[in-house]
């Protein structure tokens, strides 16, 4: 289900360009850091609302500091899920939300 986060709460929001396979490219990612109990990175495709979150320690471990590569891999995996939902005709409300959110970004 889509996760919406108020980006005004994030520290030092940055934008980075990525080029994931199967997406309209170039694609821009907005990301910033939440300094709550467990520091997390919150990120989204620019001009969308769904927010991906990952603890900073996990992000650093998985990415080795290459955030663009991490975002790219996640989006390519997300596209696979999206295409499965499309085959099922986006039959749930939450699938419909993702369809509306990403229809202009994911190539089918």
Protein backbone atom coordinates (compact mmCIF):
# COMPACT_ATOMS: atom_id res chain seq x y z
CA UNK A 1 0.00 0.00 0.00
CA UNK A 2 1.31 3.47 -0.74
CA UNK A 3 3.18 5.16 2.06
CA UNK A 4 2.88 8.94 2.16
CA UNK A 5 5.38 11.00 4.15
CA UNK A 6 5.53 14.73 4.76
CA UNK A 7 8.86 15.67 3.17
CA UNK A 8 8.84 18.98 5.06
CA UNK A 9 9.94 16.97 8.12
CA UNK A 10 13.11 15.70 6.40
CA UNK A 11 16.59 17.08 6.81
CA UNK A 12 18.59 18.31 3.81
CA UNK A 13 16.40 17.10 0.92
CA UNK A 14 18.44 16.29 -2.18
CA UNK A 15 17.61 15.33 -5.76
CA UNK A 16 19.52 12.73 -7.74
CA UNK A 17 19.10 11.45 -11.31
CA UNK A 18 18.71 7.71 -11.92
CA UNK A 19 18.01 5.66 -15.05
CA UNK A 20 16.28 2.42 -14.05
CA UNK A 21 15.42 -0.08 -16.78
CA UNK A 22 11.76 0.01 -17.76
CA UNK A 23 11.14 3.52 -16.51
CA UNK A 24 10.85 6.84 -18.33
CA UNK A 25 14.36 8.25 -18.12
CA UNK A 26 15.89 10.32 -16.81
CA UNK A 27 14.07 9.89 -13.53
CA UNK A 28 14.68 12.13 -10.55
CA UNK A 29 14.62 10.95 -6.96
CA UNK A 30 14.04 13.24 -4.00
CA UNK A 31 15.47 11.97 -0.73
CA UNK A 32 16.20 13.14 2.76
CA UNK A 33 16.80 11.85 6.25
CA UNK A 34 14.43 11.46 9.15
CA UNK A 35 16.25 11.76 12.47
CA UNK A 36 13.59 10.06 14.62
CA UNK A 37 14.25 7.00 16.84
CA UNK A 38 15.85 5.02 14.02
CA UNK A 39 17.40 7.39 11.45
CA UNK A 40 15.90 6.58 8.05
CA UNK A 41 16.22 7.67 4.47
CA UNK A 42 12.90 8.61 2.89
CA UNK A 43 12.80 8.84 -0.88
CA UNK A 44 10.36 9.08 -3.76
CA UNK A 45 10.19 9.62 -7.48
CA UNK A 46 9.94 13.37 -7.97
CA UNK A 47 6.35 14.55 -8.47
CA UNK A 48 4.89 11.45 -6.80
CA UNK A 49 3.69 10.93 -3.24
CA UNK A 50 4.58 7.31 -2.40
CA UNK A 51 7.59 7.30 -0.10
CA UNK A 52 10.07 4.45 0.20
CA UNK A 53 11.83 4.29 3.56
CA UNK A 54 14.92 2.43 4.71
CA UNK A 55 17.00 2.70 7.88
CA UNK A 56 20.16 4.66 7.15
CA UNK A 57 22.44 1.91 8.47
CA UNK A 58 20.80 -0.64 6.15
CA UNK A 59 20.96 1.76 3.19
CA UNK A 60 24.65 2.39 3.77
CA UNK A 61 25.32 -1.34 4.11
CA UNK A 62 23.38 -2.29 0.95
CA UNK A 63 24.52 0.63 -1.19
CA UNK A 64 28.10 1.09 -0.07
CA UNK A 65 27.28 4.80 -0.26
CA UNK A 66 26.05 4.63 -3.87
CA UNK A 67 22.47 5.75 -3.28
CA UNK A 68 21.69 6.14 -6.98
CA UNK A 69 22.48 2.47 -7.58
CA UNK A 70 20.31 1.44 -4.62
CA UNK A 71 17.35 3.56 -5.78
CA UNK A 72 17.74 2.15 -9.29
CA UNK A 73 17.67 -1.48 -8.11
CA UNK A 74 14.65 -0.88 -5.88
CA UNK A 75 12.73 0.79 -8.71
CA UNK A 76 13.54 -2.01 -11.14
CA UNK A 77 12.21 -4.55 -8.61
CA UNK A 78 9.18 -2.38 -7.92
CA UNK A 79 8.44 -2.30 -11.67
CA UNK A 80 8.29 -6.11 -11.71
CA UNK A 81 5.67 -6.01 -8.95
CA UNK A 82 3.78 -3.27 -10.80
CA UNK A 83 3.67 -5.38 -13.98
CA UNK A 84 2.27 -8.33 -12.00
CA UNK A 85 -0.44 -6.09 -10.61
CA UNK A 86 -1.18 -4.88 -14.14
CA UNK A 87 -1.67 -8.47 -15.31
CA UNK A 88 -4.16 -8.88 -12.47
CA UNK A 89 -5.87 -5.69 -13.64
CA UNK A 90 -4.97 -3.74 -10.48
CA UNK A 91 -7.90 -5.42 -8.72
CA UNK A 92 -7.45 -3.84 -5.27
CA UNK A 93 -7.80 -0.22 -4.22
CA UNK A 94 -4.14 -0.02 -3.18
CA UNK A 95 -3.03 -1.42 -6.57
CA UNK A 96 -5.15 1.26 -8.23
CA UNK A 97 -3.36 3.89 -6.15
CA UNK A 98 0.00 2.67 -7.44
CA UNK A 99 -1.35 2.57 -10.99
CA UNK A 100 -2.43 6.20 -10.77
CA UNK A 101 0.84 7.21 -9.13
CA UNK A 102 3.21 5.53 -11.60
CA UNK A 103 1.35 5.14 -14.91
CA UNK A 104 3.35 8.00 -16.46
CA UNK A 105 6.70 6.69 -15.23
CA UNK A 106 6.73 2.92 -15.74
CA UNK A 107 7.03 1.56 -19.25
CA UNK A 108 4.76 -1.42 -19.94
